Amino acid sequence: VNGATGAIGSAAVQLLKYFGVNVTAVCNTENIELVKSLGANRVIDYTKDDFTKDNQNYSFIFDTVGKSSFAKCKPLLQPGGVYISSELGYMAQNLFLALITPIIGNKKVIFPLPTDCRGSILFIKKLIEKGKFKAVIDRKYPLEQIVEAYRYVEKGQKIGNVVITVEHNNKT
């Protein structure tokens, strides 16, 4: 999981671990312990090592931050391996690759699109209730500071999620 401390990455690590997957997570030095606490079996510190030059092969590579590419990750994938990205990629290449890689070659690209949002939310709710999943919250902002929240997220350094709080006035 590349980007293991972002909103998608921190959720992915926990879900993969729940399903018994051996997880290698990519993050920076200061977040290694967090990623381990989420369930990562192995951590690659991107400030010291380039995960695309790793000597291990993987069944799946999930780039949650779009900082890599299928071309760079393809040599790391086992035959039948899958590269998943939450980003469109350069010139929307991941959409194109998702269409052609199942036809040619033995490694493919998947661009995930949610199919059962309600079911997924209910599943996560059950995991939270069982103590098997926790949302990683970096900061909370009131709705009035949404511009500041957006600026913070745009920096690309958040850990987990940024929450916008809305106060309810029950008198209206």
N, C-alpha and C. Protein backbone atom coordinates (compact mmCIF):
# COMPACT_ATOMS: atom_id res chain seq x y z
N VAL A 1 0.86 -1.17 0.00
CA VAL A 1 0.00 0.00 0.00
C VAL A 1 0.90 1.23 0.00
N ASN A 2 0.97 1.90 -1.13
CA ASN A 2 1.73 3.14 -1.22
C ASN A 2 0.82 4.28 -0.79
N GLY A 3 1.28 5.07 0.20
CA GLY A 3 0.44 6.12 0.77
C GLY A 3 -0.37 5.58 1.94
N ALA A 4 0.26 4.74 2.74
CA ALA A 4 -0.43 4.00 3.80
C ALA A 4 -0.94 4.86 4.95
N THR A 5 -0.57 6.13 4.99
CA THR A 5 -1.05 6.98 6.09
C THR A 5 -2.11 7.98 5.65
N GLY A 6 -2.49 7.97 4.40
CA GLY A 6 -3.56 8.85 3.95
C GLY A 6 -4.92 8.26 4.32
N ALA A 7 -5.96 8.94 3.93
CA ALA A 7 -7.32 8.48 4.25
C ALA A 7 -7.59 7.11 3.63
N ILE A 8 -7.29 6.97 2.35
CA ILE A 8 -7.53 5.70 1.67
C ILE A 8 -6.53 4.65 2.13
N GLY A 9 -5.27 5.02 2.21
CA GLY A 9 -4.22 4.07 2.58
C GLY A 9 -4.39 3.50 3.98
N SER A 10 -4.71 4.36 4.95
CA SER A 10 -4.88 3.87 6.32
C SER A 10 -6.07 2.92 6.42
N ALA A 11 -7.11 3.18 5.65
CA ALA A 11 -8.26 2.27 5.61
C ALA A 11 -7.88 0.97 4.91
N ALA A 12 -7.13 1.08 3.81
CA ALA A 12 -6.74 -0.11 3.05
C ALA A 12 -5.89 -1.05 3.90
N VAL A 13 -4.93 -0.51 4.63
CA VAL A 13 -4.07 -1.35 5.48
C VAL A 13 -4.93 -2.15 6.45
N GLN A 14 -5.87 -1.47 7.10
CA GLN A 14 -6.72 -2.14 8.09
C GLN A 14 -7.62 -3.20 7.45
N LEU A 15 -8.21 -2.88 6.31
CA LEU A 15 -9.09 -3.84 5.65
C LEU A 15 -8.32 -5.05 5.14
N LEU A 16 -7.16 -4.81 4.55
CA LEU A 16 -6.34 -5.92 4.07
C LEU A 16 -5.93 -6.82 5.23
N LYS A 17 -5.54 -6.22 6.33
CA LYS A 17 -5.15 -7.00 7.51
C LYS A 17 -6.34 -7.81 8.02
N TYR A 18 -7.51 -7.21 8.06
CA TYR A 18 -8.71 -7.91 8.50
C TYR A 18 -8.94 -9.17 7.67
N PHE A 19 -8.67 -9.08 6.37
CA PHE A 19 -8.86 -10.22 5.49
C PHE A 19 -7.66 -11.16 5.44
N GLY A 20 -6.67 -10.95 6.32
CA GLY A 20 -5.54 -11.86 6.44
C GLY A 20 -4.44 -11.68 5.42
N VAL A 21 -4.39 -10.54 4.79
CA VAL A 21 -3.37 -10.27 3.78
C VAL A 21 -2.07 -9.83 4.46
N ASN A 22 -0.94 -10.29 3.94
CA ASN A 22 0.37 -9.84 4.40
C ASN A 22 0.61 -8.47 3.76
N VAL A 23 0.66 -7.42 4.58
CA VAL A 23 0.66 -6.04 4.08
C VAL A 23 2.04 -5.40 4.19
N THR A 24 2.53 -4.89 3.06
CA THR A 24 3.71 -4.02 3.04
C THR A 24 3.18 -2.61 2.83
N ALA A 25 3.56 -1.71 3.72
CA ALA A 25 3.07 -0.33 3.67
C ALA A 25 4.21 0.63 3.39
N VAL A 26 3.94 1.66 2.61
CA VAL A 26 4.93 2.68 2.28
C VAL A 26 4.50 3.99 2.94
N CYS A 27 5.42 4.56 3.73
CA CYS A 27 5.15 5.84 4.41
C CYS A 27 6.49 6.49 4.75
N ASN A 28 6.44 7.66 5.40
CA ASN A 28 7.69 8.30 5.80
C ASN A 28 8.09 7.87 7.21
N THR A 29 9.29 8.25 7.62
CA THR A 29 9.88 7.81 8.88
C THR A 29 8.99 8.07 10.07
N GLU A 30 8.42 9.26 10.14
CA GLU A 30 7.65 9.63 11.34
C GLU A 30 6.34 8.87 11.48
N ASN A 31 5.90 8.17 10.46
CA ASN A 31 4.62 7.46 10.52
C ASN A 31 4.75 5.94 10.56
N ILE A 32 5.95 5.44 10.71
CA ILE A 32 6.17 3.99 10.71
C ILE A 32 5.38 3.31 11.82
N GLU A 33 5.43 3.84 13.03
CA GLU A 33 4.71 3.21 14.14
C GLU A 33 3.21 3.23 13.94
N LEU A 34 2.68 4.32 13.39
CA LEU A 34 1.25 4.39 13.10
C LEU A 34 0.85 3.28 12.13
N VAL A 35 1.61 3.12 11.06
CA VAL A 35 1.29 2.12 10.04
C VAL A 35 1.37 0.71 10.63
N LYS A 36 2.36 0.48 11.47
CA LYS A 36 2.45 -0.82 12.14
C LYS A 36 1.24 -1.05 13.03
N SER A 37 0.79 -0.01 13.73
CA SER A 37 -0.38 -0.15 14.61
C SER A 37 -1.65 -0.43 13.82
N LEU A 38 -1.68 -0.05 12.55
CA LEU A 38 -2.83 -0.32 11.70
C LEU A 38 -2.82 -1.75 11.16
N GLY A 39 -1.65 -2.42 11.29
CA GLY A 39 -1.58 -3.82 10.88
C GLY A 39 -0.54 -4.17 9.84
N ALA A 40 0.27 -3.22 9.41
CA ALA A 40 1.28 -3.53 8.39
C ALA A 40 2.29 -4.54 8.92
N ASN A 41 2.61 -5.54 8.10
CA ASN A 41 3.62 -6.52 8.46
C ASN A 41 5.02 -6.00 8.18
N ARG A 42 5.13 -5.20 7.16
CA ARG A 42 6.43 -4.66 6.73
C ARG A 42 6.21 -3.22 6.30
N VAL A 43 7.20 -2.37 6.59
CA VAL A 43 7.08 -0.95 6.24
C VAL A 43 8.30 -0.53 5.44
N ILE A 44 8.06 0.19 4.36
CA ILE A 44 9.13 0.79 3.57
C ILE A 44 9.05 2.29 3.78
N ASP A 45 10.16 2.87 4.24
CA ASP A 45 10.25 4.31 4.47
C ASP A 45 10.65 4.98 3.16
N TYR A 46 9.71 5.71 2.55
CA TYR A 46 9.99 6.29 1.24
C TYR A 46 11.05 7.39 1.28
N THR A 47 11.38 7.90 2.47
CA THR A 47 12.45 8.90 2.54
C THR A 47 13.83 8.24 2.43
N LYS A 48 13.88 6.92 2.60
CA LYS A 48 15.15 6.18 2.53
C LYS A 48 15.21 5.21 1.35
N ASP A 49 14.07 4.65 0.98
CA ASP A 49 14.04 3.63 -0.07
C ASP A 49 12.90 3.89 -1.04
N ASP A 50 13.15 3.60 -2.30
CA ASP A 50 12.13 3.68 -3.34
C ASP A 50 11.45 2.32 -3.43
N PHE A 51 10.18 2.24 -3.07
CA PHE A 51 9.51 0.94 -3.05
C PHE A 51 9.47 0.28 -4.43
N THR A 52 9.55 1.07 -5.49
CA THR A 52 9.50 0.49 -6.84
C THR A 52 10.80 -0.23 -7.20
N LYS A 53 11.80 -0.12 -6.34
CA LYS A 53 13.05 -0.83 -6.54
C LYS A 53 13.21 -1.97 -5.53
N ASP A 54 12.12 -2.33 -4.88
CA ASP A 54 12.11 -3.40 -3.89
C ASP A 54 12.45 -4.73 -4.56
N ASN A 55 13.03 -5.65 -3.78
CA ASN A 55 13.40 -6.94 -4.35
C ASN A 55 12.34 -8.02 -4.11
N GLN A 56 11.19 -7.62 -3.60
CA GLN A 56 10.10 -8.57 -3.41
C GLN A 56 9.09 -8.44 -4.54
N ASN A 57 8.35 -9.51 -4.74
CA ASN A 57 7.26 -9.48 -5.72
C ASN A 57 5.93 -9.52 -4.98
N TYR A 58 4.94 -8.87 -5.55
CA TYR A 58 3.65 -8.71 -4.89
C TYR A 58 2.51 -9.18 -5.79
N SER A 59 1.47 -9.67 -5.14
CA SER A 59 0.25 -10.04 -5.86
C SER A 59 -0.52 -8.79 -6.26
N PHE A 60 -0.50 -7.80 -5.36
CA PHE A 60 -1.21 -6.54 -5.58
C PHE A 60 -0.34 -5.38 -5.15
N ILE A 61 -0.41 -4.28 -5.86
CA ILE A 61 0.17 -3.01 -5.42
C ILE A 61 -0.95 -1.99 -5.51
N PHE A 62 -1.24 -1.35 -4.37
CA PHE A 62 -2.30 -0.34 -4.31
C PHE A 62 -1.63 1.00 -4.07
N ASP A 63 -1.62 1.83 -5.10
CA ASP A 63 -1.06 3.18 -5.00
C ASP A 63 -2.21 4.14 -4.68
N THR A 64 -2.35 4.45 -3.40
CA THR A 64 -3.48 5.27 -2.95
C THR A 64 -3.25 6.76 -3.16
N VAL A 65 -2.04 7.14 -3.53
CA VAL A 65 -1.72 8.56 -3.68
C VAL A 65 -1.32 8.95 -5.10
N GLY A 66 -1.25 8.00 -6.00
CA GLY A 66 -0.93 8.30 -7.39
C GLY A 66 0.48 8.81 -7.60
N LYS A 67 1.40 8.40 -6.74
CA LYS A 67 2.78 8.88 -6.86
C LYS A 67 3.66 7.94 -7.68
N SER A 68 3.10 6.84 -8.12
CA SER A 68 3.85 5.88 -8.90
C SER A 68 3.14 5.65 -10.23
N SER A 69 3.44 4.56 -10.89
CA SER A 69 2.77 4.23 -12.15
C SER A 69 2.83 2.72 -12.36
N PHE A 70 1.98 2.24 -13.24
CA PHE A 70 1.99 0.82 -13.58
C PHE A 70 3.34 0.44 -14.17
N ALA A 71 3.90 1.28 -15.01
CA ALA A 71 5.20 0.98 -15.63
C ALA A 71 6.28 0.75 -14.58
N LYS A 72 6.31 1.58 -13.53
CA LYS A 72 7.31 1.42 -12.48
C LYS A 72 7.03 0.21 -11.59
N CYS A 73 5.76 -0.09 -11.39
CA CYS A 73 5.39 -1.17 -10.47
C CYS A 73 5.30 -2.54 -11.14
N LYS A 74 5.15 -2.57 -12.45
CA LYS A 74 4.96 -3.83 -13.17
C LYS A 74 6.05 -4.87 -12.87
N PRO A 75 7.34 -4.49 -12.81
CA PRO A 75 8.37 -5.49 -12.51
C PRO A 75 8.22 -6.12 -11.11
N LEU A 76 7.54 -5.44 -10.20
CA LEU A 76 7.35 -5.96 -8.84
C LEU A 76 6.17 -6.91 -8.74
N LEU A 77 5.31 -6.91 -9.74
CA LEU A 77 4.11 -7.74 -9.69
C LEU A 77 4.40 -9.18 -10.11
N GLN A 78 3.84 -10.11 -9.35
CA GLN A 78 3.91 -11.52 -9.71
C GLN A 78 3.08 -11.75 -10.97
N PRO A 79 3.31 -12.85 -11.68
CA PRO A 79 2.42 -13.17 -12.80
C PRO A 79 0.96 -13.20 -12.30
N GLY A 80 0.09 -12.55 -13.03
CA GLY A 80 -1.30 -12.42 -12.61
C GLY A 80 -1.52 -11.30 -11.61
N GLY A 81 -0.45 -10.55 -11.30
CA GLY A 81 -0.53 -9.47 -10.32
C GLY A 81 -1.35 -8.29 -10.80
N VAL A 82 -1.79 -7.48 -9.83
CA VAL A 82 -2.69 -6.37 -10.12
C VAL A 82 -2.16 -5.07 -9.52
N TYR A 83 -2.13 -4.03 -10.34
CA TYR A 83 -1.80 -2.67 -9.89
C TYR A 83 -3.11 -1.92 -9.76
N ILE A 84 -3.36 -1.38 -8.57
CA ILE A 84 -4.58 -0.63 -8.30
C ILE A 84 -4.19 0.80 -7.97
N SER A 85 -4.85 1.75 -8.57
CA SER A 85 -4.58 3.15 -8.27
C SER A 85 -5.89 3.88 -8.02
N SER A 86 -5.86 4.76 -7.03
CA SER A 86 -7.04 5.59 -6.76
C SER A 86 -6.99 6.88 -7.57
N GLU A 87 -5.95 7.04 -8.37
CA GLU A 87 -5.77 8.23 -9.20
C GLU A 87 -5.87 7.85 -10.67
N LEU A 88 -6.24 8.81 -11.49
CA LEU A 88 -6.34 8.57 -12.93
C LEU A 88 -4.99 8.34 -13.58
N GLY A 89 -3.93 8.93 -13.01
CA GLY A 89 -2.61 8.82 -13.60
C GLY A 89 -2.40 9.85 -14.69
N TYR A 90 -1.17 9.90 -15.18
CA TYR A 90 -0.79 10.84 -16.23
C TYR A 90 -1.67 10.63 -17.45
N MET A 91 -2.32 11.69 -17.90
CA MET A 91 -3.20 11.67 -19.06
C MET A 91 -4.27 10.57 -18.95
N ALA A 92 -4.76 10.35 -17.73
CA ALA A 92 -5.80 9.35 -17.45
C ALA A 92 -5.41 7.95 -17.90
N GLN A 93 -4.10 7.65 -17.84
CA GLN A 93 -3.62 6.37 -18.34
C GLN A 93 -4.18 5.16 -17.59
N ASN A 94 -4.52 5.33 -16.31
CA ASN A 94 -5.01 4.17 -15.56
C ASN A 94 -6.37 3.68 -16.05
N LEU A 95 -7.20 4.59 -16.54
CA LEU A 95 -8.47 4.16 -17.14
C LEU A 95 -8.21 3.34 -18.40
N PHE A 96 -7.31 3.83 -19.25
CA PHE A 96 -6.95 3.13 -20.48
C PHE A 96 -6.32 1.77 -20.16
N LEU A 97 -5.38 1.76 -19.21
CA LEU A 97 -4.71 0.51 -18.85
C LEU A 97 -5.67 -0.50 -18.24
N ALA A 98 -6.65 -0.01 -17.49
CA ALA A 98 -7.65 -0.91 -16.91
C ALA A 98 -8.45 -1.62 -18.00
N LEU A 99 -8.60 -0.98 -19.14
CA LEU A 99 -9.33 -1.59 -20.25
C LEU A 99 -8.49 -2.57 -21.05
N ILE A 100 -7.19 -2.27 -21.25
CA ILE A 100 -6.39 -3.12 -22.14
C ILE A 100 -5.57 -4.20 -21.43
N THR A 101 -5.15 -3.96 -20.18
CA THR A 101 -4.27 -4.94 -19.53
C THR A 101 -4.93 -6.30 -19.27
N PRO A 102 -6.25 -6.39 -19.08
CA PRO A 102 -6.83 -7.74 -18.94
C PRO A 102 -6.74 -8.56 -20.24
N ILE A 103 -6.58 -7.86 -21.36
CA ILE A 103 -6.54 -8.53 -22.66
C ILE A 103 -5.12 -8.91 -23.05
N ILE A 104 -4.17 -8.01 -22.76
CA ILE A 104 -2.78 -8.27 -23.13
C ILE A 104 -1.91 -8.36 -21.88
N GLY A 105 -1.04 -9.32 -21.84
CA GLY A 105 -0.13 -9.48 -20.70
C GLY A 105 -0.77 -10.26 -19.57
N ASN A 106 0.05 -10.56 -18.56
CA ASN A 106 -0.46 -11.32 -17.43
C ASN A 106 -0.47 -10.51 -16.14
N LYS A 107 -0.37 -9.21 -16.27
CA LYS A 107 -0.47 -8.29 -15.14
C LYS A 107 -1.47 -7.21 -15.54
N LYS A 108 -2.29 -6.79 -14.59
CA LYS A 108 -3.31 -5.84 -15.01
C LYS A 108 -3.46 -4.66 -14.06
N VAL A 109 -4.15 -3.65 -14.56
CA VAL A 109 -4.45 -2.43 -13.82
C VAL A 109 -5.94 -2.42 -13.51
N ILE A 110 -6.24 -2.04 -12.29
CA ILE A 110 -7.64 -1.85 -11.89
C ILE A 110 -7.79 -0.43 -11.40
N PHE A 111 -8.81 0.23 -11.88
CA PHE A 111 -9.18 1.55 -11.38
C PHE A 111 -10.46 1.35 -10.60
N PRO A 112 -10.38 1.39 -9.26
CA PRO A 112 -11.55 1.00 -8.46
C PRO A 112 -12.70 2.00 -8.53
N LEU A 113 -13.87 1.48 -8.76
CA LEU A 113 -15.09 2.28 -8.73
C LEU A 113 -16.03 1.61 -7.73
N PRO A 114 -16.57 2.38 -6.79
CA PRO A 114 -17.47 1.76 -5.81
C PRO A 114 -18.73 1.22 -6.47
N THR A 115 -19.15 0.04 -6.03
CA THR A 115 -20.35 -0.56 -6.60
C THR A 115 -21.48 -0.69 -5.58
N ASP A 116 -21.13 -0.88 -4.32
CA ASP A 116 -22.15 -1.05 -3.29
C ASP A 116 -21.78 -0.17 -2.09
N CYS A 117 -21.98 1.13 -2.24
CA CYS A 117 -21.59 2.07 -1.18
C CYS A 117 -22.30 1.77 0.14
N ARG A 118 -23.59 1.52 0.08
CA ARG A 118 -24.35 1.25 1.30
C ARG A 118 -23.80 0.01 2.01
N GLY A 119 -23.59 -1.06 1.26
CA GLY A 119 -23.06 -2.30 1.83
C GLY A 119 -21.67 -2.10 2.41
N SER A 120 -20.85 -1.32 1.72
CA SER A 120 -19.49 -1.05 2.21
C SER A 120 -19.52 -0.28 3.51
N ILE A 121 -20.39 0.72 3.59
CA ILE A 121 -20.50 1.52 4.81
C ILE A 121 -20.98 0.66 5.97
N LEU A 122 -21.96 -0.19 5.72
CA LEU A 122 -22.46 -1.08 6.78
C LEU A 122 -21.38 -2.07 7.23
N PHE A 123 -20.57 -2.54 6.28
CA PHE A 123 -19.48 -3.45 6.63
C PHE A 123 -18.46 -2.74 7.52
N ILE A 124 -18.05 -1.53 7.14
CA ILE A 124 -17.10 -0.76 7.95
C ILE A 124 -17.70 -0.48 9.33
N LYS A 125 -18.97 -0.15 9.38
CA LYS A 125 -19.65 0.10 10.66
C LYS A 125 -19.52 -1.11 11.57
N LYS A 126 -19.73 -2.31 11.03
CA LYS A 126 -19.60 -3.54 11.83
C LYS A 126 -18.17 -3.73 12.32
N LEU A 127 -17.20 -3.44 11.46
CA LEU A 127 -15.80 -3.57 11.87
C LEU A 127 -15.47 -2.58 12.99
N ILE A 128 -15.98 -1.36 12.89
CA ILE A 128 -15.76 -0.36 13.94
C ILE A 128 -16.36 -0.85 15.25
N GLU A 129 -17.58 -1.36 15.18
CA GLU A 129 -18.25 -1.85 16.39
C GLU A 129 -17.50 -3.02 17.02
N LYS A 130 -16.82 -3.83 16.21
CA LYS A 130 -16.03 -4.96 16.72
C LYS A 130 -14.63 -4.53 17.16
N GLY A 131 -14.28 -3.26 16.95
CA GLY A 131 -12.94 -2.78 17.28
C GLY A 131 -11.89 -3.21 16.29
N LYS A 132 -12.29 -3.55 15.07
CA LYS A 132 -11.36 -4.02 14.03
C LYS A 132 -10.98 -2.94 13.03
N PHE A 133 -11.53 -1.76 13.20
CA PHE A 133 -11.25 -0.66 12.27
C PHE A 133 -11.39 0.65 13.02
N LYS A 134 -10.44 1.54 12.78
CA LYS A 134 -10.55 2.87 13.38
C LYS A 134 -10.20 3.92 12.33
N ALA A 135 -11.00 4.95 12.30
CA ALA A 135 -10.72 6.05 11.39
C ALA A 135 -9.52 6.82 11.93
N VAL A 136 -8.57 7.09 11.07
CA VAL A 136 -7.41 7.89 11.45
C VAL A 136 -7.77 9.35 11.15
N ILE A 137 -7.83 10.16 12.20
CA ILE A 137 -8.23 11.57 12.07
C ILE A 137 -7.01 12.45 12.33
N ASP A 138 -6.66 13.26 11.36
CA ASP A 138 -5.54 14.19 11.51
C ASP A 138 -6.00 15.45 12.22
N ARG A 139 -6.98 16.11 11.65
CA ARG A 139 -7.48 17.38 12.19
C ARG A 139 -8.98 17.50 11.98
N LYS A 140 -9.57 18.37 12.80
CA LYS A 140 -10.99 18.71 12.65
C LYS A 140 -11.10 20.21 12.46
N TYR A 141 -11.95 20.60 11.55
CA TYR A 141 -12.20 22.02 11.28
C TYR A 141 -13.70 22.27 11.33
N PRO A 142 -14.11 23.41 11.90
CA PRO A 142 -15.54 23.76 11.79
C PRO A 142 -15.83 24.15 10.34
N LEU A 143 -17.08 24.03 9.95
CA LEU A 143 -17.49 24.34 8.58
C LEU A 143 -17.03 25.74 8.15
N GLU A 144 -17.02 26.67 9.08
CA GLU A 144 -16.61 28.04 8.77
C GLU A 144 -15.15 28.13 8.33
N GLN A 145 -14.34 27.11 8.63
CA GLN A 145 -12.92 27.11 8.26
C GLN A 145 -12.63 26.11 7.13
N ILE A 146 -13.61 25.85 6.31
CA ILE A 146 -13.44 24.84 5.26
C ILE A 146 -12.34 25.22 4.26
N VAL A 147 -12.14 26.51 4.03
CA VAL A 147 -11.08 26.95 3.11
C VAL A 147 -9.72 26.58 3.69
N GLU A 148 -9.53 26.82 4.99
CA GLU A 148 -8.27 26.46 5.64
C GLU A 148 -8.07 24.94 5.61
N ALA A 149 -9.15 24.20 5.83
CA ALA A 149 -9.07 22.74 5.79
C ALA A 149 -8.63 22.27 4.40
N TYR A 150 -9.22 22.85 3.39
CA TYR A 150 -8.88 22.48 2.01
C TYR A 150 -7.41 22.79 1.73
N ARG A 151 -6.95 23.94 2.16
CA ARG A 151 -5.53 24.31 1.96
C ARG A 151 -4.61 23.30 2.64
N TYR A 152 -4.99 22.88 3.83
CA TYR A 152 -4.18 21.91 4.56
C TYR A 152 -4.13 20.58 3.79
N VAL A 153 -5.26 20.11 3.33
CA VAL A 153 -5.32 18.86 2.58
C VAL A 153 -4.51 18.97 1.29
N GLU A 154 -4.59 20.11 0.62
CA GLU A 154 -3.86 20.33 -0.64
C GLU A 154 -2.35 20.19 -0.47
N LYS A 155 -1.83 20.44 0.72
CA LYS A 155 -0.39 20.31 0.96
C LYS A 155 0.08 18.87 0.82
N GLY A 156 -0.85 17.92 0.93
CA GLY A 156 -0.49 16.51 0.75
C GLY A 156 0.24 15.88 1.91
N GLN A 157 0.18 16.48 3.07
CA GLN A 157 0.91 15.95 4.23
C GLN A 157 0.00 15.46 5.35
N LYS A 158 -1.28 15.39 5.11
CA LYS A 158 -2.19 14.97 6.18
C LYS A 158 -2.01 13.49 6.47
N ILE A 159 -2.37 13.13 7.69
CA ILE A 159 -2.33 11.75 8.12
C ILE A 159 -3.78 11.30 8.31
N GLY A 160 -4.23 10.38 7.51
CA GLY A 160 -5.62 9.93 7.63
C GLY A 160 -6.58 10.95 7.06
N ASN A 161 -7.62 11.24 7.82
CA ASN A 161 -8.71 12.08 7.36
C ASN A 161 -8.70 13.46 8.00
N VAL A 162 -9.25 14.41 7.30
CA VAL A 162 -9.53 15.74 7.84
C VAL A 162 -11.05 15.83 7.91
N VAL A 163 -11.55 16.18 9.08
CA VAL A 163 -12.99 16.18 9.33
C VAL A 163 -13.52 17.61 9.37
N ILE A 164 -14.65 17.82 8.72
CA ILE A 164 -15.35 19.11 8.79
C ILE A 164 -16.54 18.91 9.73
N THR A 165 -16.58 19.69 10.79
CA THR A 165 -17.68 19.57 11.75
C THR A 165 -18.76 20.61 11.46
N VAL A 166 -19.99 20.19 11.61
CA VAL A 166 -21.13 21.06 11.37
C VAL A 166 -21.95 21.10 12.65
N GLU A 167 -22.16 22.30 13.17
CA GLU A 167 -22.98 22.44 14.37
C GLU A 167 -24.44 22.47 13.97
N HIS A 168 -25.23 21.77 14.73
CA HIS A 168 -26.67 21.72 14.47
C HIS A 168 -27.38 22.64 15.45
N ASN A 169 -28.28 23.43 14.93
CA ASN A 169 -29.11 24.28 15.77
C ASN A 169 -30.51 23.68 15.74
N ASN A 170 -30.85 22.98 16.80
CA ASN A 170 -32.14 22.29 16.85
C ASN A 170 -33.32 23.23 17.05
N LYS A 171 -33.06 24.51 17.22
CA LYS A 171 -34.14 25.47 17.46
C LYS A 171 -34.79 25.94 16.16
N THR A 172 -34.19 25.63 15.02
CA THR A 172 -34.77 26.07 13.74
C THR A 172 -35.40 24.93 13.00
